[in-house]
Every structure is written in structure tokens, then in C-alpha cells.
PDB file of N, CA and C in Angstrom:
ATOM      1  N   MET A   1     -15.181  -2.471  -1.991  1.00  0.00           N
ATOM      2  CA  MET A   1     -15.189  -3.221  -0.761  1.00  0.00           C
ATOM      3  C   MET A   1     -15.976  -2.430   0.287  1.00  0.00           C
ATOM      4  N   MET A   2     -16.920  -3.052   0.929  1.00  0.00           N
ATOM      5  CA  MET A   2     -17.817  -2.397   1.880  1.00  0.00           C
ATOM      6  C   MET A   2     -17.070  -1.808   3.070  1.00  0.00           C
ATOM      7  N   ILE A   3     -16.079  -2.493   3.586  1.00  0.00           N
ATOM      8  CA  ILE A   3     -15.367  -2.017   4.774  1.00  0.00           C
ATOM      9  C   ILE A   3     -14.688  -0.675   4.526  1.00  0.00           C
ATOM     10  N   VAL A   4     -14.235  -0.430   3.318  1.00  0.00           N
ATOM     11  CA  VAL A   4     -13.575   0.835   2.988  1.00  0.00           C
ATOM     12  C   VAL A   4     -14.551   1.994   3.149  1.00  0.00           C
ATOM     13  N   PHE A   5     -15.776   1.824   2.705  1.00  0.00           N
ATOM     14  CA  PHE A   5     -16.789   2.873   2.840  1.00  0.00           C
ATOM     15  C   PHE A   5     -17.123   3.123   4.306  1.00  0.00           C
ATOM     16  N   VAL A   6     -17.190   2.075   5.090  1.00  0.00           N
ATOM     17  CA  VAL A   6     -17.485   2.212   6.514  1.00  0.00           C
ATOM     18  C   VAL A   6     -16.339   2.949   7.207  1.00  0.00           C
ATOM     19  N   LEU A   7     -15.100   2.602   6.884  1.00  0.00           N
ATOM     20  CA  LEU A   7     -13.945   3.248   7.511  1.00  0.00           C
ATOM     21  C   LEU A   7     -13.850   4.724   7.151  1.00  0.00           C
ATOM     22  N   GLN A   8     -14.261   5.093   5.973  1.00  0.00           N
ATOM     23  CA  GLN A   8     -14.200   6.493   5.567  1.00  0.00           C
ATOM     24  C   GLN A   8     -15.108   7.374   6.427  1.00  0.00           C
ATOM     25  N   LYS A   9     -16.160   6.795   6.959  1.00  0.00           N
ATOM     26  CA  LYS A   9     -17.063   7.538   7.835  1.00  0.00           C
ATOM     27  C   LYS A   9     -16.498   7.664   9.246  1.00  0.00           C
ATOM     28  N   GLY A  10     -15.526   6.839   9.575  1.00  0.00           N
ATOM     29  CA  GLY A  10     -14.970   6.822  10.919  1.00  0.00           C
ATOM     30  C   GLY A  10     -15.619   5.725  11.740  1.00  0.00           C
ATOM     31  N   CYS A  11     -14.983   5.370  12.825  1.00  0.00           N
ATOM     32  CA  CYS A  11     -15.536   4.330  13.677  1.00  0.00           C
ATOM     33  C   CYS A  11     -15.049   4.519  15.105  1.00  0.00           C
ATOM     34  N   HIS A  12     -15.757   3.912  16.026  1.00  0.00           N
ATOM     35  CA  HIS A  12     -15.371   3.976  17.435  1.00  0.00           C
ATOM     36  C   HIS A  12     -14.521   2.781  17.831  1.00  0.00           C
ATOM     37  N   ILE A  13     -14.769   1.654  17.205  1.00  0.00           N
ATOM     38  CA  ILE A  13     -14.018   0.434  17.509  1.00  0.00           C
ATOM     39  C   ILE A  13     -13.624  -0.229  16.196  1.00  0.00           C
ATOM     40  N   LEU A  14     -12.357  -0.569  16.093  1.00  0.00           N
ATOM     41  CA  LEU A  14     -11.860  -1.270  14.912  1.00  0.00           C
ATOM     42  C   LEU A  14     -11.071  -2.484  15.383  1.00  0.00           C
ATOM     43  N   VAL A  15     -11.430  -3.641  14.898  1.00  0.00           N
ATOM     44  CA  VAL A  15     -10.737  -4.877  15.227  1.00  0.00           C
ATOM     45  C   VAL A  15     -10.045  -5.357  13.967  1.00  0.00           C
ATOM     46  N   ALA A  16      -8.729  -5.572  14.052  1.00  0.00           N
ATOM     47  CA  ALA A  16      -7.988  -5.977  12.856  1.00  0.00           C
ATOM     48  C   ALA A  16      -6.709  -6.705  13.250  1.00  0.00           C
ATOM     49  N   THR A  17      -6.243  -7.537  12.357  1.00  0.00           N
ATOM     50  CA  THR A  17      -4.932  -8.145  12.552  1.00  0.00           C
ATOM     51  C   THR A  17      -3.875  -7.065  12.297  1.00  0.00           C
ATOM     52  N   PRO A  18      -2.672  -7.232  12.827  1.00  0.00           N
ATOM     53  CA  PRO A  18      -1.634  -6.227  12.584  1.00  0.00           C
ATOM     54  C   PRO A  18      -1.388  -5.971  11.097  1.00  0.00           C
ATOM     55  N   GLY A  19      -1.353  -7.007  10.304  1.00  0.00           N
ATOM     56  CA  GLY A  19      -1.103  -6.851   8.877  1.00  0.00           C
ATOM     57  C   GLY A  19      -2.201  -6.098   8.161  1.00  0.00           C
ATOM     58  N   ARG A  20      -3.440  -6.409   8.483  1.00  0.00           N
ATOM     59  CA  ARG A  20      -4.571  -5.728   7.846  1.00  0.00           C
ATOM     60  C   ARG A  20      -4.638  -4.269   8.293  1.00  0.00           C
ATOM     61  N   LEU A  21      -4.363  -4.035   9.567  1.00  0.00           N
ATOM     62  CA  LEU A  21      -4.345  -2.673  10.080  1.00  0.00           C
ATOM     63  C   LEU A  21      -3.286  -1.842   9.366  1.00  0.00           C
ATOM     64  N   LEU A  22      -2.091  -2.393   9.212  1.00  0.00           N
ATOM     65  CA  LEU A  22      -1.030  -1.692   8.493  1.00  0.00           C
ATOM     66  C   LEU A  22      -1.408  -1.448   7.040  1.00  0.00           C
ATOM     67  N   ASP A  23      -2.084  -2.397   6.436  1.00  0.00           N
ATOM     68  CA  ASP A  23      -2.532  -2.234   5.055  1.00  0.00           C
ATOM     69  C   ASP A  23      -3.450  -1.026   4.931  1.00  0.00           C
ATOM     70  N   PHE A  24      -4.420  -0.911   5.826  1.00  0.00           N
ATOM     71  CA  PHE A  24      -5.337   0.225   5.803  1.00  0.00           C
ATOM     72  C   PHE A  24      -4.617   1.540   6.078  1.00  0.00           C
ATOM     73  N   VAL A  25      -3.689   1.538   7.026  1.00  0.00           N
ATOM     74  CA  VAL A  25      -2.946   2.757   7.365  1.00  0.00           C
ATOM     75  C   VAL A  25      -2.060   3.180   6.204  1.00  0.00           C
ATOM     76  N   ASN A  26      -1.335   2.235   5.640  1.00  0.00           N
ATOM     77  CA  ASN A  26      -0.416   2.561   4.544  1.00  0.00           C
ATOM     78  C   ASN A  26      -1.133   3.030   3.283  1.00  0.00           C
ATOM     79  N   LYS A  27      -2.383   2.607   3.108  1.00  0.00           N
ATOM     80  CA  LYS A  27      -3.173   3.064   1.964  1.00  0.00           C
ATOM     81  C   LYS A  27      -3.920   4.357   2.269  1.00  0.00           C
ATOM     82  N   GLY A  28      -3.733   4.894   3.473  1.00  0.00           N
ATOM     83  CA  GLY A  28      -4.384   6.143   3.836  1.00  0.00           C
ATOM     84  C   GLY A  28      -5.854   6.011   4.172  1.00  0.00           C
ATOM     85  N   ARG A  29      -6.324   4.806   4.395  1.00  0.00           N
ATOM     86  CA  ARG A  29      -7.744   4.583   4.707  1.00  0.00           C
ATOM     87  C   ARG A  29      -8.077   5.017   6.133  1.00  0.00           C
ATOM     88  N   ILE A  30      -7.117   4.852   7.061  1.00  0.00           N
ATOM     89  CA  ILE A  30      -7.301   5.258   8.454  1.00  0.00           C
ATOM     90  C   ILE A  30      -6.016   5.907   8.952  1.00  0.00           C
ATOM     91  N   THR A  31      -6.152   6.660  10.034  1.00  0.00           N
ATOM     92  CA  THR A  31      -4.994   7.209  10.736  1.00  0.00           C
ATOM     93  C   THR A  31      -5.188   6.943  12.222  1.00  0.00           C
ATOM     94  N   PHE A  32      -4.136   7.172  12.969  1.00  0.00           N
ATOM     95  CA  PHE A  32      -4.201   7.008  14.423  1.00  0.00           C
ATOM     96  C   PHE A  32      -4.318   8.359  15.126  1.00  0.00           C
ATOM     97  N   SER A  33      -4.570   9.421  14.394  1.00  0.00           N
ATOM     98  CA  SER A  33      -4.502  10.773  14.941  1.00  0.00           C
ATOM     99  C   SER A  33      -5.505  11.057  16.058  1.00  0.00           C
ATOM    100  N   SER A  34      -6.629  10.379  16.078  1.00  0.00           N
ATOM    101  CA  SER A  34      -7.599  10.598  17.158  1.00  0.00           C
ATOM    102  C   SER A  34      -7.772   9.350  18.029  1.00  0.00           C
ATOM    103  N   LEU A  35      -6.806   8.478  18.000  1.00  0.00           N
ATOM    104  CA  LEU A  35      -6.845   7.238  18.786  1.00  0.00           C
ATOM    105  C   LEU A  35      -6.825   7.556  20.277  1.00  0.00           C
ATOM    106  N   ARG A  36      -7.696   6.903  21.022  1.00  0.00           N
ATOM    107  CA  ARG A  36      -7.705   7.082  22.472  1.00  0.00           C
ATOM    108  C   ARG A  36      -7.215   5.831  23.182  1.00  0.00           C
ATOM    109  N   PHE A  37      -7.511   4.663  22.645  1.00  0.00           N
ATOM    110  CA  PHE A  37      -7.106   3.405  23.253  1.00  0.00           C
ATOM    111  C   PHE A  37      -6.622   2.464  22.166  1.00  0.00           C
ATOM    112  N   LEU A  38      -5.563   1.743  22.458  1.00  0.00           N
ATOM    113  CA  LEU A  38      -5.075   0.693  21.564  1.00  0.00           C
ATOM    114  C   LEU A  38      -4.932  -0.566  22.400  1.00  0.00           C
ATOM    115  N   ILE A  39      -5.647  -1.594  22.021  1.00  0.00           N
ATOM    116  CA  ILE A  39      -5.621  -2.848  22.759  1.00  0.00           C
ATOM    117  C   ILE A  39      -5.016  -3.910  21.861  1.00  0.00           C
ATOM    118  N   LEU A  40      -3.970  -4.542  22.359  1.00  0.00           N
ATOM    119  CA  LEU A  40      -3.336  -5.644  21.628  1.00  0.00           C
ATOM    120  C   LEU A  40      -3.767  -6.949  22.286  1.00  0.00           C
ATOM    121  N   ASP A  41      -4.891  -7.463  21.839  1.00  0.00           N
ATOM    122  CA  ASP A  41      -5.384  -8.730  22.370  1.00  0.00           C
ATOM    123  C   ASP A  41      -4.421  -9.835  21.960  1.00  0.00           C
ATOM    124  N   GLU A  42      -4.069 -10.660  22.909  1.00  0.00           N
ATOM    125  CA  GLU A  42      -3.113 -11.749  22.659  1.00  0.00           C
ATOM    126  C   GLU A  42      -1.765 -11.201  22.184  1.00  0.00           C
ATOM    127  N   GLY A  43      -1.374 -10.051  22.732  1.00  0.00           N
ATOM    128  CA  GLY A  43      -0.099  -9.434  22.353  1.00  0.00           C
ATOM    129  C   GLY A  43       1.091 -10.345  22.547  1.00  0.00           C
ATOM    130  N   ASP A  44       1.087 -11.124  23.626  1.00  0.00           N
ATOM    131  CA  ASP A  44       2.203 -12.046  23.859  1.00  0.00           C
ATOM    132  C   ASP A  44       2.290 -13.108  22.766  1.00  0.00           C
ATOM    133  N   ARG A  45       1.139 -13.562  22.299  1.00  0.00           N
ATOM    134  CA  ARG A  45       1.125 -14.546  21.207  1.00  0.00           C
ATOM    135  C   ARG A  45       1.617 -13.924  19.906  1.00  0.00           C
ATOM    136  N   MET A  46       1.223 -12.662  19.661  1.00  0.00           N
ATOM    137  CA  MET A  46       1.691 -11.990  18.452  1.00  0.00           C
ATOM    138  C   MET A  46       3.211 -11.877  18.458  1.00  0.00           C
ATOM    139  N   LEU A  47       3.769 -11.571  19.620  1.00  0.00           N
ATOM    140  CA  LEU A  47       5.229 -11.482  19.716  1.00  0.00           C
ATOM    141  C   LEU A  47       5.866 -12.851  19.487  1.00  0.00           C
ATOM    142  N   ASP A  48       5.274 -13.885  20.071  1.00  0.00           N
ATOM    143  CA  ASP A  48       5.784 -15.251  19.874  1.00  0.00           C
ATOM    144  C   ASP A  48       5.734 -15.666  18.405  1.00  0.00           C
ATOM    145  N   MET A  49       4.758 -15.148  17.674  1.00  0.00           N
ATOM    146  CA  MET A  49       4.575 -15.527  16.278  1.00  0.00           C
ATOM    147  C   MET A  49       5.357 -14.630  15.316  1.00  0.00           C
ATOM    148  N   GLY A  50       6.132 -13.699  15.861  1.00  0.00           N
ATOM    149  CA  GLY A  50       6.994 -12.883  15.016  1.00  0.00           C
ATOM    150  C   GLY A  50       6.392 -11.584  14.518  1.00  0.00           C
ATOM    151  N   PHE A  51       5.373 -11.081  15.194  1.00  0.00           N
ATOM    152  CA  PHE A  51       4.712  -9.847  14.756  1.00  0.00           C
ATOM    153  C   PHE A  51       5.347  -8.584  15.333  1.00  0.00           C
ATOM    154  N   LEU A  52       6.487  -8.691  16.019  1.00  0.00           N
ATOM    155  CA  LEU A  52       7.114  -7.512  16.613  1.00  0.00           C
ATOM    156  C   LEU A  52       7.360  -6.403  15.591  1.00  0.00           C
ATOM    157  N   PRO A  53       7.889  -6.689  14.404  1.00  0.00           N
ATOM    158  CA  PRO A  53       8.090  -5.596  13.436  1.00  0.00           C
ATOM    159  C   PRO A  53       6.787  -4.886  13.059  1.00  0.00           C
ATOM    160  N   ASP A  54       5.698  -5.629  12.920  1.00  0.00           N
ATOM    161  CA  ASP A  54       4.406  -5.012  12.597  1.00  0.00           C
ATOM    162  C   ASP A  54       3.920  -4.134  13.745  1.00  0.00           C
ATOM    163  N   ILE A  55       4.053  -4.623  14.963  1.00  0.00           N
ATOM    164  CA  ILE A  55       3.616  -3.859  16.128  1.00  0.00           C
ATOM    165  C   ILE A  55       4.463  -2.592  16.275  1.00  0.00           C
ATOM    166  N   GLU A  56       5.769  -2.710  16.066  1.00  0.00           N
ATOM    167  CA  GLU A  56       6.634  -1.532  16.130  1.00  0.00           C
ATOM    168  C   GLU A  56       6.276  -0.523  15.045  1.00  0.00           C
ATOM    169  N   GLN A  57       5.923  -1.013  13.870  1.00  0.00           N
ATOM    170  CA  GLN A  57       5.538  -0.128  12.775  1.00  0.00           C
ATOM    171  C   GLN A  57       4.228   0.594  13.111  1.00  0.00           C
ATOM    172  N   ILE A  58       3.292  -0.100  13.709  1.00  0.00           N
ATOM    173  CA  ILE A  58       2.034   0.509  14.114  1.00  0.00           C
ATOM    174  C   ILE A  58       2.286   1.576  15.181  1.00  0.00           C
ATOM    175  N   MET A  59       3.026   1.214  16.229  1.00  0.00           N
ATOM    176  CA  MET A  59       3.268   2.151  17.323  1.00  0.00           C
ATOM    177  C   MET A  59       4.109   3.349  16.902  1.00  0.00           C
ATOM    178  N   GLY A  60       4.969   3.174  15.909  1.00  0.00           N
ATOM    179  CA  GLY A  60       5.831   4.249  15.452  1.00  0.00           C
ATOM    180  C   GLY A  60       5.309   5.006  14.249  1.00  0.00           C
ATOM    181  N   HIS A  61       4.091   4.716  13.828  1.00  0.00           N
ATOM    182  CA  HIS A  61       3.539   5.362  12.640  1.00  0.00           C
ATOM    183  C   HIS A  61       3.427   6.873  12.864  1.00  0.00           C
ATOM    184  N   PRO A  62       3.714   7.678  11.843  1.00  0.00           N
ATOM    185  CA  PRO A  62       3.670   9.141  11.996  1.00  0.00           C
ATOM    186  C   PRO A  62       2.328   9.702  12.466  1.00  0.00           C
ATOM    187  N   THR A  63       1.233   9.008  12.216  1.00  0.00           N
ATOM    188  CA  THR A  63      -0.076   9.511  12.669  1.00  0.00           C
ATOM    189  C   THR A  63      -0.432   9.043  14.070  1.00  0.00           C
ATOM    190  N   MET A  64       0.420   8.202  14.675  1.00  0.00           N
ATOM    191  CA  MET A  64       0.140   7.691  16.021  1.00  0.00           C
ATOM    192  C   MET A  64       0.232   8.825  17.035  1.00  0.00           C
ATOM    193  N   VAL A  65      -0.779   8.931  17.878  1.00  0.00           N
ATOM    194  CA  VAL A  65      -0.747   9.944  18.934  1.00  0.00           C
ATOM    195  C   VAL A  65       0.425   9.654  19.861  1.00  0.00           C
ATOM    196  N   PRO A  66       1.097  10.678  20.369  1.00  0.00           N
ATOM    197  CA  PRO A  66       2.346  10.460  21.104  1.00  0.00           C
ATOM    198  C   PRO A  66       2.207   9.809  22.474  1.00  0.00           C
ATOM    199  N   ASN A  67       1.061   9.848  23.108  1.00  0.00           N
ATOM    200  CA  ASN A  67       0.986   9.340  24.462  1.00  0.00           C
ATOM    201  C   ASN A  67       0.243   8.021  24.620  1.00  0.00           C
ATOM    202  N   VAL A  68       0.198   7.201  23.577  1.00  0.00           N
ATOM    203  CA  VAL A  68      -0.425   5.883  23.683  1.00  0.00           C
ATOM    204  C   VAL A  68       0.520   4.979  24.474  1.00  0.00           C
ATOM    205  N   ARG A  69      -0.031   4.258  25.446  1.00  0.00           N
ATOM    206  CA  ARG A  69       0.790   3.350  26.250  1.00  0.00           C
ATOM    207  C   ARG A  69       0.248   1.959  26.149  1.00  0.00           C
TER     208      ARG A  69
END
């Protein structure tokens, strides 16, 4: 898969659904260790649609930098 090779090189901007992002993180393809900004576009809609557990899992991931707000 082409995206896997691109992610291995690193990136400045990554756009993904919560589920796809968790998939990449759980497979060790990416980490949040050097994250500077996290933007949840349409975050209120994600919560309305039941994505709270995914968002909590992302924010609580062991590689997540501690001061993301």
C-alpha cells in the first residue's frame, strides 16, 4: 500500500478518520511522539455519531505528547 511507504518517511500533515488513524497507530505505522497540533474537524459531529471512545483512545495513547489540548 502506497500510503504506508509515505508514512514511514514521516509527514507534516496527516488527515484521517478516527478509525483509520487508530489502525495506523495500533499497527505501529505512526506515533504521536512529535505531534505539535491535533485538529478534530467536525469534532462535535464525531461525538454525536458515537466516536467518543475512538477519540479518547487517540488522546490517551501512550505515544501521545502530554500537553496536547
